[in-house]
């Protein structure tokens, strides 16, 4: 009788150990598969997001140089029309993250800052200058600096930046949806992103 009982116990223990090992292997395989899918999704969004806009600037440049005190002035002026293409981009290949398989967590530690590029095309009209106050390289440099500063203010006041952020959030939401569906957690700077609104809050704090 004792032999039968011992045999039954050994058989039951063997079944439990086998089932435990099988469950562990299955869980490990599922975890590995989830990790690979998430890595693939992260690779899919690792691209350059670009939002483009067109701006026009009309700039009047004028400069006066006093001669013989304030009795005589030598003037120069120009009307400048600038057509500019502006882009705001996020290089998502620079996103820094870590996959914690043990905790089933995607930890994003860094998102790249937006890169703003302006490509202006300058056209000069009504350029006049006195003999004693001619146009020099410094004048053209000053015009370019002033125009670029004005264009940057226009870009900040436009919807270009918010459109770029919306596209960024759209890409990041793909990671959130996938991780959430697999029971993983998405974190940014040690803060859990547990909803789409969390991604929007990330935009308003980190990306502004």
C-alpha atoms as a PDB file:
ATOM      1  CA  UNK A   1       0.000   0.000   0.000  1.00  0.00           C
ATOM      2  CA  UNK A   2       2.811   2.330   0.944  1.00  0.00           C
ATOM      3  CA  UNK A   3       4.555   1.620  -2.339  1.00  0.00           C
ATOM      4  CA  UNK A   4       1.379   2.479  -4.238  1.00  0.00           C
ATOM      5  CA  UNK A   5       0.975   5.743  -2.278  1.00  0.00           C
ATOM      6  CA  UNK A   6       4.608   6.706  -2.792  1.00  0.00           C
ATOM      7  CA  UNK A   7       4.290   5.911  -6.488  1.00  0.00           C
ATOM      8  CA  UNK A   8       1.156   8.040  -6.769  1.00  0.00           C
ATOM      9  CA  UNK A   9       2.854  10.945  -5.019  1.00  0.00           C
ATOM     10  CA  UNK A  10       5.886  10.679  -7.297  1.00  0.00           C
ATOM     11  CA  UNK A  11       3.656  10.509 -10.367  1.00  0.00           C
ATOM     12  CA  UNK A  12       1.632  13.531  -9.223  1.00  0.00           C
ATOM     13  CA  UNK A  13       4.813  15.487  -8.460  1.00  0.00           C
ATOM     14  CA  UNK A  14       6.187  14.600 -11.875  1.00  0.00           C
ATOM     15  CA  UNK A  15       3.012  15.827 -13.571  1.00  0.00           C
ATOM     16  CA  UNK A  16       3.071  19.070 -11.592  1.00  0.00           C
ATOM     17  CA  UNK A  17       6.746  19.665 -12.352  1.00  0.00           C
ATOM     18  CA  UNK A  18       6.203  18.896 -16.045  1.00  0.00           C
ATOM     19  CA  UNK A  19       3.176  21.218 -16.178  1.00  0.00           C
ATOM     20  CA  UNK A  20       5.072  23.929 -14.336  1.00  0.00           C
ATOM     21  CA  UNK A  21       7.986  23.658 -16.757  1.00  0.00           C
ATOM     22  CA  UNK A  22       5.626  23.628 -19.740  1.00  0.00           C
ATOM     23  CA  UNK A  23       3.789  26.705 -18.428  1.00  0.00           C
ATOM     24  CA  UNK A  24       7.115  28.451 -17.841  1.00  0.00           C
ATOM     25  CA  UNK A  25       8.315  27.659 -21.348  1.00  0.00           C
ATOM     26  CA  UNK A  26       5.013  28.865 -22.784  1.00  0.00           C
ATOM     27  CA  UNK A  27       5.119  32.047 -20.709  1.00  0.00           C
ATOM     28  CA  UNK A  28       8.745  32.672 -21.722  1.00  0.00           C
ATOM     29  CA  UNK A  29       7.904  32.115 -25.395  1.00  0.00           C
ATOM     30  CA  UNK A  30       4.930  34.516 -25.166  1.00  0.00           C
ATOM     31  CA  UNK A  31       7.057  37.125 -23.415  1.00  0.00           C
ATOM     32  CA  UNK A  32       9.792  36.779 -26.038  1.00  0.00           C
ATOM     33  CA  UNK A  33       7.247  37.068 -28.839  1.00  0.00           C
ATOM     34  CA  UNK A  34       5.726  40.185 -27.264  1.00  0.00           C
ATOM     35  CA  UNK A  35       9.171  41.710 -26.840  1.00  0.00           C
ATOM     36  CA  UNK A  36      10.042  41.080 -30.492  1.00  0.00           C
ATOM     37  CA  UNK A  37       6.746  42.576 -31.680  1.00  0.00           C
ATOM     38  CA  UNK A  38       7.292  45.690 -29.580  1.00  0.00           C
ATOM     39  CA  UNK A  39      10.867  46.045 -30.831  1.00  0.00           C
ATOM     40  CA  UNK A  40       9.580  45.776 -34.398  1.00  0.00           C
ATOM     41  CA  UNK A  41       6.969  48.469 -33.749  1.00  0.00           C
ATOM     42  CA  UNK A  42       9.609  50.722 -32.223  1.00  0.00           C
ATOM     43  CA  UNK A  43      11.708  50.145 -35.339  1.00  0.00           C
ATOM     44  CA  UNK A  44       8.722  50.986 -37.554  1.00  0.00           C
ATOM     45  CA  UNK A  45       8.254  54.398 -35.954  1.00  0.00           C
ATOM     46  CA  UNK A  46      11.969  55.204 -35.957  1.00  0.00           C
ATOM     47  CA  UNK A  47      11.712  57.621 -38.842  1.00  0.00           C
ATOM     48  CA  UNK A  48      11.878  61.306 -39.609  1.00  0.00           C
ATOM     49  CA  UNK A  49       8.567  63.125 -39.145  1.00  0.00           C
ATOM     50  CA  UNK A  50       8.473  66.320 -41.188  1.00  0.00           C
ATOM     51  CA  UNK A  51       5.815  69.041 -41.260  1.00  0.00           C
ATOM     52  CA  UNK A  52       6.216  71.734 -43.916  1.00  0.00           C
ATOM     53  CA  UNK A  53       4.890  75.271 -44.269  1.00  0.00           C
ATOM     54  CA  UNK A  54       5.255  78.229 -46.635  1.00  0.00           C
ATOM     55  CA  UNK A  55       5.765  81.791 -45.421  1.00  0.00           C
ATOM     56  CA  UNK A  56       6.111  85.170 -47.132  1.00  0.00           C
ATOM     57  CA  UNK A  57       7.938  88.130 -45.613  1.00  0.00           C
ATOM     58  CA  UNK A  58       8.114  91.688 -46.968  1.00  0.00           C
ATOM     59  CA  UNK A  59      10.931  93.624 -45.344  1.00  0.00           C
ATOM     60  CA  UNK A  60      11.881  97.278 -45.725  1.00  0.00           C
ATOM     61  CA  UNK A  61      15.539  97.928 -45.011  1.00  0.00           C
ATOM     62  CA  UNK A  62      16.824 101.458 -44.458  1.00  0.00           C
ATOM     63  CA  UNK A  63      20.055 102.897 -43.111  1.00  0.00           C
ATOM     64  CA  UNK A  64      21.350 106.450 -42.830  1.00  0.00           C
ATOM     65  CA  UNK A  65      24.881 107.662 -42.296  1.00  0.00           C
ATOM     66  CA  UNK A  66      25.522 111.205 -41.049  1.00  0.00           C
ATOM     67  CA  UNK A  67      28.113 113.294 -42.869  1.00  0.00           C
ATOM     68  CA  UNK A  68      29.560 116.515 -41.510  1.00  0.00           C
ATOM     69  CA  UNK A  69      27.659 116.088 -38.276  1.00  0.00           C
ATOM     70  CA  UNK A  70      23.916 116.051 -38.898  1.00  0.00           C
ATOM     71  CA  UNK A  71      23.990 118.472 -41.822  1.00  0.00           C
ATOM     72  CA  UNK A  72      24.113 115.826 -44.527  1.00  0.00           C
ATOM     73  CA  UNK A  73      22.993 112.196 -44.507  1.00  0.00           C
ATOM     74  CA  UNK A  74      23.819 109.390 -46.897  1.00  0.00           C
ATOM     75  CA  UNK A  75      20.906 106.982 -47.174  1.00  0.00           C
ATOM     76  CA  UNK A  76      20.429 103.492 -48.476  1.00  0.00           C
ATOM     77  CA  UNK A  77      17.326 101.336 -48.612  1.00  0.00           C
ATOM     78  CA  UNK A  78      15.912  98.182 -50.113  1.00  0.00           C
ATOM     79  CA  UNK A  79      12.601  96.415 -50.390  1.00  0.00           C
ATOM     80  CA  UNK A  80      13.060  92.690 -49.785  1.00  0.00           C
ATOM     81  CA  UNK A  81      10.473  90.020 -50.567  1.00  0.00           C
ATOM     82  CA  UNK A  82      11.192  86.619 -49.069  1.00  0.00           C
ATOM     83  CA  UNK A  83       9.483  83.339 -49.894  1.00  0.00           C
ATOM     84  CA  UNK A  84      10.463  80.717 -47.354  1.00  0.00           C
ATOM     85  CA  UNK A  85       9.887  77.008 -46.937  1.00  0.00           C
ATOM     86  CA  UNK A  86       9.961  75.988 -43.282  1.00  0.00           C
ATOM     87  CA  UNK A  87      10.072  72.495 -41.812  1.00  0.00           C
ATOM     88  CA  UNK A  88       9.715  71.119 -38.308  1.00  0.00           C
ATOM     89  CA  UNK A  89      10.980  67.577 -37.884  1.00  0.00           C
ATOM     90  CA  UNK A  90      11.412  64.898 -35.232  1.00  0.00           C
ATOM     91  CA  UNK A  91      14.024  62.229 -35.803  1.00  0.00           C
ATOM     92  CA  UNK A  92      12.456  59.286 -33.994  1.00  0.00           C
ATOM     93  CA  UNK A  93      15.547  57.157 -34.560  1.00  0.00           C
ATOM     94  CA  UNK A  94      16.989  59.220 -31.687  1.00  0.00           C
ATOM     95  CA  UNK A  95      14.340  58.116 -29.199  1.00  0.00           C
ATOM     96  CA  UNK A  96      16.118  56.487 -26.255  1.00  0.00           C
ATOM     97  CA  UNK A  97      14.297  53.563 -24.656  1.00  0.00           C
ATOM     98  CA  UNK A  98      14.753  50.340 -22.732  1.00  0.00           C
ATOM     99  CA  UNK A  99      12.658  47.161 -22.762  1.00  0.00           C
ATOM    100  CA  UNK A 100      12.291  45.647 -19.291  1.00  0.00           C
ATOM    101  CA  UNK A 101      10.985  42.140 -20.005  1.00  0.00           C
ATOM    102  CA  UNK A 102      10.867  41.199 -16.326  1.00  0.00           C
ATOM    103  CA  UNK A 103       8.534  44.105 -15.545  1.00  0.00           C
ATOM    104  CA  UNK A 104       6.926  44.084 -19.032  1.00  0.00           C
ATOM    105  CA  UNK A 105       7.654  47.792 -19.351  1.00  0.00           C
ATOM    106  CA  UNK A 106       8.823  50.057 -22.183  1.00  0.00           C
ATOM    107  CA  UNK A 107      10.871  52.834 -20.600  1.00  0.00           C
ATOM    108  CA  UNK A 108      11.335  55.860 -22.860  1.00  0.00           C
ATOM    109  CA  UNK A 109      14.003  58.114 -21.385  1.00  0.00           C
ATOM    110  CA  UNK A 110      14.480  60.701 -24.125  1.00  0.00           C
ATOM    111  CA  UNK A 111      12.529  62.130 -27.069  1.00  0.00           C
ATOM    112  CA  UNK A 112      14.437  64.356 -29.512  1.00  0.00           C
ATOM    113  CA  UNK A 113      13.742  68.067 -29.618  1.00  0.00           C
ATOM    114  CA  UNK A 114      12.032  69.395 -32.764  1.00  0.00           C
ATOM    115  CA  UNK A 115      14.386  70.630 -35.459  1.00  0.00           C
ATOM    116  CA  UNK A 116      13.296  73.828 -37.221  1.00  0.00           C
ATOM    117  CA  UNK A 117      14.771  74.624 -40.636  1.00  0.00           C
ATOM    118  CA  UNK A 118      14.071  77.686 -42.767  1.00  0.00           C
ATOM    119  CA  UNK A 119      15.006  77.895 -46.434  1.00  0.00           C
ATOM    120  CA  UNK A 120      14.407  81.494 -47.536  1.00  0.00           C
ATOM    121  CA  UNK A 121      14.574  82.835 -51.090  1.00  0.00           C
ATOM    122  CA  UNK A 122      15.471  86.546 -51.081  1.00  0.00           C
ATOM    123  CA  UNK A 123      14.425  88.949 -53.852  1.00  0.00           C
ATOM    124  CA  UNK A 124      15.639  92.545 -53.665  1.00  0.00           C
ATOM    125  CA  UNK A 125      13.660  95.454 -55.132  1.00  0.00           C
ATOM    126  CA  UNK A 126      14.150  99.218 -55.173  1.00  0.00           C
ATOM    127  CA  UNK A 127      17.726  99.013 -53.960  1.00  0.00           C
ATOM    128  CA  UNK A 128      19.211 102.502 -53.686  1.00  0.00           C
ATOM    129  CA  UNK A 129      22.338 103.729 -51.948  1.00  0.00           C
ATOM    130  CA  UNK A 130      24.356 106.944 -51.803  1.00  0.00           C
ATOM    131  CA  UNK A 131      27.984 106.993 -52.848  1.00  0.00           C
ATOM    132  CA  UNK A 132      29.142 107.578 -49.266  1.00  0.00           C
ATOM    133  CA  UNK A 133      26.932 104.836 -47.836  1.00  0.00           C
ATOM    134  CA  UNK A 134      27.015 101.866 -50.234  1.00  0.00           C
ATOM    135  CA  UNK A 135      25.549  98.415 -49.604  1.00  0.00           C
ATOM    136  CA  UNK A 136      28.057  96.074 -48.011  1.00  0.00           C
ATOM    137  CA  UNK A 137      28.125  92.423 -46.964  1.00  0.00           C
ATOM    138  CA  UNK A 138      27.160  93.453 -43.450  1.00  0.00           C
ATOM    139  CA  UNK A 139      23.926  94.991 -44.733  1.00  0.00           C
ATOM    140  CA  UNK A 140      22.884  91.788 -46.472  1.00  0.00           C
ATOM    141  CA  UNK A 141      23.778  89.761 -43.383  1.00  0.00           C
ATOM    142  CA  UNK A 142      21.687  92.089 -41.205  1.00  0.00           C
ATOM    143  CA  UNK A 143      18.739  91.722 -43.586  1.00  0.00           C
ATOM    144  CA  UNK A 144      18.990  87.920 -43.478  1.00  0.00           C
ATOM    145  CA  UNK A 145      19.240  87.847 -39.682  1.00  0.00           C
ATOM    146  CA  UNK A 146      16.234  90.165 -39.237  1.00  0.00           C
ATOM    147  CA  UNK A 147      14.147  88.265 -41.775  1.00  0.00           C
ATOM    148  CA  UNK A 148      14.994  84.878 -40.249  1.00  0.00           C
ATOM    149  CA  UNK A 149      14.072  86.172 -36.786  1.00  0.00           C
ATOM    150  CA  UNK A 150      10.749  87.458 -38.132  1.00  0.00           C
ATOM    151  CA  UNK A 151      10.065  84.165 -39.895  1.00  0.00           C
ATOM    152  CA  UNK A 152      10.819  82.237 -36.706  1.00  0.00           C
ATOM    153  CA  UNK A 153       8.233  84.349 -34.849  1.00  0.00           C
ATOM    154  CA  UNK A 154       5.699  83.581 -37.578  1.00  0.00           C
ATOM    155  CA  UNK A 155       6.427  79.871 -37.300  1.00  0.00           C
ATOM    156  CA  UNK A 156       5.952  79.958 -33.531  1.00  0.00           C
ATOM    157  CA  UNK A 157       2.619  81.759 -33.968  1.00  0.00           C
ATOM    158  CA  UNK A 158       1.413  79.386 -36.690  1.00  0.00           C
ATOM    159  CA  UNK A 159      -0.074  75.899 -36.444  1.00  0.00           C
ATOM    160  CA  UNK A 160       3.069  74.323 -37.909  1.00  0.00           C
ATOM    161  CA  UNK A 161       4.540  73.363 -34.547  1.00  0.00           C
ATOM    162  CA  UNK A 162       1.287  71.937 -33.185  1.00  0.00           C
ATOM    163  CA  UNK A 163       0.781  69.951 -36.391  1.00  0.00           C
ATOM    164  CA  UNK A 164       4.254  68.460 -35.993  1.00  0.00           C
ATOM    165  CA  UNK A 165       3.511  67.563 -32.366  1.00  0.00           C
ATOM    166  CA  UNK A 166       0.229  65.925 -33.384  1.00  0.00           C
ATOM    167  CA  UNK A 167       2.081  63.749 -35.889  1.00  0.00           C
ATOM    168  CA  UNK A 168       4.628  62.838 -33.220  1.00  0.00           C
ATOM    169  CA  UNK A 169       1.903  61.863 -30.750  1.00  0.00           C
ATOM    170  CA  UNK A 170       0.207  59.831 -33.486  1.00  0.00           C
ATOM    171  CA  UNK A 171       3.394  57.786 -33.951  1.00  0.00           C
ATOM    172  CA  UNK A 172       3.938  57.343 -30.211  1.00  0.00           C
ATOM    173  CA  UNK A 173       0.317  56.254 -29.771  1.00  0.00           C
ATOM    174  CA  UNK A 174       1.041  53.211 -31.928  1.00  0.00           C
ATOM    175  CA  UNK A 175       3.570  52.096 -29.330  1.00  0.00           C
ATOM    176  CA  UNK A 176       1.078  52.761 -26.525  1.00  0.00           C
ATOM    177  CA  UNK A 177      -1.753  50.817 -28.205  1.00  0.00           C
ATOM    178  CA  UNK A 178       0.472  47.799 -28.895  1.00  0.00           C
ATOM    179  CA  UNK A 179       2.030  47.722 -25.432  1.00  0.00           C
ATOM    180  CA  UNK A 180      -1.354  48.144 -23.750  1.00  0.00           C
ATOM    181  CA  UNK A 181      -2.911  45.333 -25.786  1.00  0.00           C
ATOM    182  CA  UNK A 182      -0.118  42.972 -24.692  1.00  0.00           C
ATOM    183  CA  UNK A 183      -0.293  43.901 -21.040  1.00  0.00           C
ATOM    184  CA  UNK A 184       2.891  45.953 -21.116  1.00  0.00           C
ATOM    185  CA  UNK A 185       3.352  49.373 -19.496  1.00  0.00           C
ATOM    186  CA  UNK A 186       4.657  52.452 -21.279  1.00  0.00           C
ATOM    187  CA  UNK A 187       6.748  54.891 -19.230  1.00  0.00           C
ATOM    188  CA  UNK A 188       8.336  58.228 -20.041  1.00  0.00           C
ATOM    189  CA  UNK A 189      10.872  59.631 -17.581  1.00  0.00           C
ATOM    190  CA  UNK A 190       9.668  57.132 -14.950  1.00  0.00           C
ATOM    191  CA  UNK A 191       6.065  58.318 -15.351  1.00  0.00           C
ATOM    192  CA  UNK A 192       3.470  55.789 -16.501  1.00  0.00           C
ATOM    193  CA  UNK A 193       1.508  56.670 -19.625  1.00  0.00           C
ATOM    194  CA  UNK A 194      -1.814  54.953 -18.993  1.00  0.00           C
ATOM    195  CA  UNK A 195      -4.062  56.724 -21.513  1.00  0.00           C
ATOM    196  CA  UNK A 196      -4.054  58.640 -24.770  1.00  0.00           C
ATOM    197  CA  UNK A 197      -4.546  61.800 -22.712  1.00  0.00           C
ATOM    198  CA  UNK A 198      -1.260  60.938 -21.051  1.00  0.00           C
ATOM    199  CA  UNK A 199       0.438  61.195 -24.441  1.00  0.00           C
ATOM    200  CA  UNK A 200      -1.201  64.581 -24.995  1.00  0.00           C
ATOM    201  CA  UNK A 201       0.026  65.763 -21.597  1.00  0.00           C
ATOM    202  CA  UNK A 202       3.490  64.574 -22.565  1.00  0.00           C
ATOM    203  CA  UNK A 203       3.249  66.857 -25.604  1.00  0.00           C
ATOM    204  CA  UNK A 204       2.210  69.877 -23.579  1.00  0.00           C
ATOM    205  CA  UNK A 205       5.003  69.455 -21.010  1.00  0.00           C
ATOM    206  CA  UNK A 206       8.014  67.992 -22.769  1.00  0.00           C
ATOM    207  CA  UNK A 207       7.590  69.285 -26.298  1.00  0.00           C
ATOM    208  CA  UNK A 208       6.595  72.902 -25.731  1.00  0.00           C
END
